[in-house]
Amino acid sequence: MESTCCPSGKTTQRSDDQVKKLVNRLNRIEGQIRGIRGMVESGAYCNDILVQSAAVTAAISAFNRELLASHLHTCVLRDIRAGKDEVVDELMETLQKLMK
């Protein structure tokens, strides 16, 4: 299965299992977000909403870690082996965004 990263126009080959795992994580996060929206709409206590928001943040961080590890082991390694050292600069920019 192939997915496209719109801004760069590059693609990454992922196994069906990898896609399934990533999509499952995203579906859980989407469900958590819908739950938080429902809590806001129903007037839930602020602290309860904040706890759920922290859980979403943790879930997104876990998604990012999994995707970053895959990226390092596949795309980055492939590009370095091909002499495309500019991938290191791209990776550094991405890490700076993730660490904000």
N, C-alpha and C. Protein backbone atom coordinates (compact mmCIF):
# COMPACT_ATOMS: atom_id res chain seq x y z
N MET A 1 0.85 -1.18 0.00
CA MET A 1 0.00 0.00 0.00
C MET A 1 0.90 1.24 0.00
N GLU A 2 0.49 2.28 -0.71
CA GLU A 2 1.31 3.47 -0.85
C GLU A 2 0.55 4.67 -0.28
N SER A 3 1.26 5.53 0.42
CA SER A 3 0.64 6.74 0.93
C SER A 3 1.46 7.94 0.48
N THR A 4 0.82 9.05 0.32
CA THR A 4 1.49 10.23 -0.17
C THR A 4 1.53 11.29 0.92
N CYS A 5 2.68 11.89 1.08
CA CYS A 5 2.83 13.03 1.97
C CYS A 5 2.70 14.26 1.09
N CYS A 6 1.59 14.94 1.18
CA CYS A 6 1.24 15.99 0.23
C CYS A 6 2.30 17.08 0.04
N PRO A 7 2.83 17.69 1.10
CA PRO A 7 3.76 18.81 0.87
C PRO A 7 5.01 18.43 0.08
N SER A 8 5.60 17.30 0.33
CA SER A 8 6.85 16.94 -0.34
C SER A 8 6.62 16.24 -1.66
N GLY A 9 5.46 15.63 -1.83
CA GLY A 9 5.19 14.86 -3.03
C GLY A 9 5.85 13.50 -3.01
N LYS A 10 6.57 13.17 -1.95
CA LYS A 10 7.24 11.87 -1.83
C LYS A 10 6.24 10.83 -1.38
N THR A 11 6.57 9.57 -1.62
CA THR A 11 5.72 8.47 -1.16
C THR A 11 6.54 7.49 -0.35
N THR A 12 5.84 6.69 0.43
CA THR A 12 6.47 5.66 1.25
C THR A 12 5.70 4.37 1.09
N GLN A 13 6.40 3.30 0.78
CA GLN A 13 5.79 1.98 0.72
C GLN A 13 5.66 1.46 2.16
N ARG A 14 4.47 1.06 2.52
CA ARG A 14 4.23 0.46 3.83
C ARG A 14 3.51 -0.86 3.63
N SER A 15 3.81 -1.81 4.47
CA SER A 15 3.09 -3.08 4.40
C SER A 15 1.65 -2.86 4.84
N ASP A 16 0.79 -3.78 4.45
CA ASP A 16 -0.61 -3.68 4.87
C ASP A 16 -0.72 -3.69 6.39
N ASP A 17 0.15 -4.46 7.06
CA ASP A 17 0.14 -4.52 8.52
C ASP A 17 0.53 -3.17 9.13
N GLN A 18 1.54 -2.52 8.56
CA GLN A 18 1.96 -1.21 9.07
C GLN A 18 0.85 -0.20 8.91
N VAL A 19 0.22 -0.19 7.74
CA VAL A 19 -0.88 0.74 7.50
C VAL A 19 -2.01 0.48 8.48
N LYS A 20 -2.34 -0.79 8.68
CA LYS A 20 -3.42 -1.15 9.61
C LYS A 20 -3.13 -0.66 11.02
N LYS A 21 -1.90 -0.87 11.49
CA LYS A 21 -1.53 -0.43 12.84
C LYS A 21 -1.62 1.09 12.98
N LEU A 22 -1.10 1.82 11.99
CA LEU A 22 -1.13 3.28 12.06
C LEU A 22 -2.56 3.80 11.99
N VAL A 23 -3.36 3.24 11.09
CA VAL A 23 -4.75 3.68 10.95
C VAL A 23 -5.54 3.36 12.22
N ASN A 24 -5.29 2.20 12.82
CA ASN A 24 -5.97 1.86 14.08
C ASN A 24 -5.65 2.88 15.16
N ARG A 25 -4.39 3.28 15.26
CA ARG A 25 -4.01 4.31 16.24
C ARG A 25 -4.75 5.62 15.95
N LEU A 26 -4.77 6.01 14.69
CA LEU A 26 -5.46 7.25 14.32
C LEU A 26 -6.95 7.16 14.59
N ASN A 27 -7.55 6.01 14.35
CA ASN A 27 -8.98 5.85 14.65
C ASN A 27 -9.26 6.00 16.14
N ARG A 28 -8.37 5.45 16.97
CA ARG A 28 -8.54 5.60 18.42
C ARG A 28 -8.42 7.08 18.83
N ILE A 29 -7.45 7.76 18.24
CA ILE A 29 -7.27 9.19 18.55
C ILE A 29 -8.50 9.98 18.11
N GLU A 30 -9.00 9.66 16.92
CA GLU A 30 -10.19 10.33 16.42
C GLU A 30 -11.37 10.11 17.37
N GLY A 31 -11.51 8.90 17.88
CA GLY A 31 -12.57 8.61 18.83
C GLY A 31 -12.40 9.39 20.13
N GLN A 32 -11.15 9.50 20.58
CA GLN A 32 -10.89 10.29 21.79
C GLN A 32 -11.27 11.75 21.58
N ILE A 33 -10.94 12.29 20.42
CA ILE A 33 -11.27 13.69 20.11
C ILE A 33 -12.79 13.88 20.10
N ARG A 34 -13.50 12.95 19.47
CA ARG A 34 -14.97 13.04 19.46
C ARG A 34 -15.52 12.98 20.88
N GLY A 35 -14.91 12.15 21.72
CA GLY A 35 -15.33 12.07 23.11
C GLY A 35 -15.12 13.38 23.85
N ILE A 36 -14.00 14.02 23.60
CA ILE A 36 -13.72 15.31 24.24
C ILE A 36 -14.73 16.35 23.77
N ARG A 37 -15.01 16.37 22.46
CA ARG A 37 -16.00 17.31 21.95
C ARG A 37 -17.35 17.10 22.65
N GLY A 38 -17.72 15.83 22.82
CA GLY A 38 -18.97 15.54 23.52
C GLY A 38 -18.95 16.02 24.96
N MET A 39 -17.79 15.89 25.60
CA MET A 39 -17.67 16.36 26.98
C MET A 39 -17.85 17.88 27.05
N VAL A 40 -17.25 18.58 26.12
CA VAL A 40 -17.38 20.05 26.08
C VAL A 40 -18.84 20.43 25.85
N GLU A 41 -19.46 19.76 24.88
CA GLU A 41 -20.85 20.07 24.55
C GLU A 41 -21.81 19.77 25.70
N SER A 42 -21.48 18.79 26.51
CA SER A 42 -22.36 18.43 27.62
C SER A 42 -22.02 19.14 28.92
N GLY A 43 -21.01 20.02 28.89
CA GLY A 43 -20.67 20.80 30.07
C GLY A 43 -19.86 20.03 31.11
N ALA A 44 -19.07 19.07 30.67
CA ALA A 44 -18.26 18.28 31.60
C ALA A 44 -17.30 19.18 32.38
N TYR A 45 -16.90 18.72 33.52
CA TYR A 45 -15.97 19.41 34.40
C TYR A 45 -14.63 19.61 33.68
N CYS A 46 -14.07 20.81 33.79
CA CYS A 46 -12.83 21.17 33.08
C CYS A 46 -11.71 20.16 33.31
N ASN A 47 -11.51 19.77 34.55
CA ASN A 47 -10.41 18.85 34.85
C ASN A 47 -10.58 17.51 34.15
N ASP A 48 -11.82 17.04 34.06
CA ASP A 48 -12.08 15.78 33.37
C ASP A 48 -11.73 15.90 31.88
N ILE A 49 -12.05 17.04 31.29
CA ILE A 49 -11.71 17.27 29.88
C ILE A 49 -10.19 17.34 29.71
N LEU A 50 -9.53 18.02 30.62
CA LEU A 50 -8.07 18.14 30.54
C LEU A 50 -7.39 16.78 30.64
N VAL A 51 -7.90 15.90 31.48
CA VAL A 51 -7.33 14.56 31.60
C VAL A 51 -7.47 13.82 30.28
N GLN A 52 -8.62 13.93 29.65
CA GLN A 52 -8.82 13.28 28.36
C GLN A 52 -7.95 13.91 27.27
N SER A 53 -7.78 15.22 27.33
CA SER A 53 -6.91 15.90 26.38
C SER A 53 -5.46 15.44 26.52
N ALA A 54 -5.02 15.24 27.77
CA ALA A 54 -3.67 14.72 28.00
C ALA A 54 -3.52 13.32 27.43
N ALA A 55 -4.57 12.52 27.49
CA ALA A 55 -4.53 11.17 26.92
C ALA A 55 -4.39 11.24 25.40
N VAL A 56 -5.04 12.20 24.77
CA VAL A 56 -4.90 12.39 23.32
C VAL A 56 -3.48 12.81 22.98
N THR A 57 -2.93 13.72 23.75
CA THR A 57 -1.55 14.15 23.53
C THR A 57 -0.59 12.95 23.61
N ALA A 58 -0.79 12.10 24.60
CA ALA A 58 0.05 10.91 24.75
C ALA A 58 -0.14 9.96 23.57
N ALA A 59 -1.37 9.82 23.10
CA ALA A 59 -1.64 8.93 21.97
C ALA A 59 -1.00 9.46 20.69
N ILE A 60 -1.04 10.75 20.48
CA ILE A 60 -0.41 11.34 19.30
C ILE A 60 1.10 11.19 19.40
N SER A 61 1.66 11.37 20.58
CA SER A 61 3.10 11.17 20.77
C SER A 61 3.51 9.73 20.45
N ALA A 62 2.70 8.78 20.89
CA ALA A 62 2.99 7.37 20.60
C ALA A 62 2.92 7.10 19.09
N PHE A 63 1.94 7.69 18.43
CA PHE A 63 1.82 7.57 16.97
C PHE A 63 3.07 8.14 16.30
N ASN A 64 3.48 9.33 16.73
CA ASN A 64 4.67 9.97 16.16
C ASN A 64 5.93 9.15 16.38
N ARG A 65 6.08 8.57 17.57
CA ARG A 65 7.26 7.73 17.84
C ARG A 65 7.30 6.52 16.92
N GLU A 66 6.15 5.88 16.74
CA GLU A 66 6.10 4.69 15.88
C GLU A 66 6.42 5.06 14.43
N LEU A 67 5.84 6.15 13.96
CA LEU A 67 6.08 6.58 12.58
C LEU A 67 7.52 7.05 12.39
N LEU A 68 8.07 7.74 13.37
CA LEU A 68 9.46 8.20 13.29
C LEU A 68 10.43 7.03 13.24
N ALA A 69 10.20 6.03 14.07
CA ALA A 69 11.07 4.86 14.06
C ALA A 69 11.04 4.18 12.70
N SER A 70 9.85 4.04 12.14
CA SER A 70 9.72 3.45 10.81
C SER A 70 10.44 4.30 9.78
N HIS A 71 10.28 5.61 9.85
CA HIS A 71 10.91 6.53 8.92
C HIS A 71 12.44 6.41 8.98
N LEU A 72 12.98 6.33 10.19
CA LEU A 72 14.44 6.20 10.34
C LEU A 72 14.95 4.89 9.73
N HIS A 73 14.23 3.81 9.98
CA HIS A 73 14.67 2.49 9.53
C HIS A 73 14.47 2.26 8.04
N THR A 74 13.61 3.06 7.43
CA THR A 74 13.33 2.85 6.00
C THR A 74 13.81 4.04 5.17
N CYS A 75 13.07 5.10 5.17
CA CYS A 75 13.33 6.25 4.29
C CYS A 75 14.70 6.89 4.53
N VAL A 76 14.99 7.19 5.79
CA VAL A 76 16.25 7.89 6.11
C VAL A 76 17.44 6.99 5.78
N LEU A 77 17.38 5.75 6.22
CA LEU A 77 18.46 4.81 5.96
C LEU A 77 18.68 4.63 4.45
N ARG A 78 17.60 4.47 3.71
CA ARG A 78 17.68 4.32 2.25
C ARG A 78 18.35 5.54 1.61
N ASP A 79 17.93 6.73 2.01
CA ASP A 79 18.47 7.95 1.40
C ASP A 79 19.94 8.15 1.75
N ILE A 80 20.32 7.87 2.99
CA ILE A 80 21.73 8.00 3.37
C ILE A 80 22.58 7.02 2.58
N ARG A 81 22.11 5.80 2.45
CA ARG A 81 22.85 4.80 1.68
C ARG A 81 22.98 5.21 0.21
N ALA A 82 22.00 5.97 -0.28
CA ALA A 82 22.02 6.43 -1.67
C ALA A 82 22.81 7.73 -1.83
N GLY A 83 23.43 8.19 -0.73
CA GLY A 83 24.23 9.41 -0.79
C GLY A 83 23.42 10.69 -0.70
N LYS A 84 22.16 10.60 -0.34
CA LYS A 84 21.29 11.79 -0.21
C LYS A 84 21.36 12.31 1.22
N ASP A 85 22.49 12.94 1.53
CA ASP A 85 22.72 13.43 2.90
C ASP A 85 21.75 14.52 3.32
N GLU A 86 21.07 15.15 2.37
CA GLU A 86 20.12 16.22 2.72
C GLU A 86 18.95 15.68 3.55
N VAL A 87 18.78 14.36 3.56
CA VAL A 87 17.73 13.78 4.38
C VAL A 87 17.98 14.06 5.86
N VAL A 88 19.22 14.24 6.25
CA VAL A 88 19.53 14.55 7.65
C VAL A 88 18.98 15.93 8.01
N ASP A 89 19.13 16.90 7.11
CA ASP A 89 18.57 18.23 7.36
C ASP A 89 17.05 18.17 7.45
N GLU A 90 16.44 17.40 6.56
CA GLU A 90 14.99 17.23 6.59
C GLU A 90 14.55 16.62 7.92
N LEU A 91 15.30 15.60 8.37
CA LEU A 91 14.99 14.94 9.64
C LEU A 91 15.14 15.91 10.81
N MET A 92 16.17 16.72 10.79
CA MET A 92 16.38 17.69 11.87
C MET A 92 15.22 18.69 11.93
N GLU A 93 14.76 19.15 10.79
CA GLU A 93 13.61 20.07 10.76
C GLU A 93 12.37 19.40 11.35
N THR A 94 12.17 18.15 10.98
CA THR A 94 11.02 17.41 11.49
C THR A 94 11.12 17.22 13.00
N LEU A 95 12.30 16.85 13.49
CA LEU A 95 12.48 16.67 14.93
C LEU A 95 12.24 17.97 15.69
N GLN A 96 12.66 19.09 15.13
CA GLN A 96 12.42 20.37 15.79
C GLN A 96 10.94 20.64 15.90
N LYS A 97 10.17 20.29 14.88
CA LYS A 97 8.72 20.48 14.93
C LYS A 97 8.08 19.54 15.96
N LEU A 98 8.58 18.32 16.04
CA LEU A 98 8.02 17.35 16.99
C LEU A 98 8.34 17.72 18.43
N MET A 99 9.43 18.42 18.65
CA MET A 99 9.87 18.73 20.01
C MET A 99 9.32 20.05 20.53
N LYS A 100 8.49 20.72 19.79
CA LYS A 100 7.92 21.99 20.25
C LYS A 100 6.98 21.76 21.39
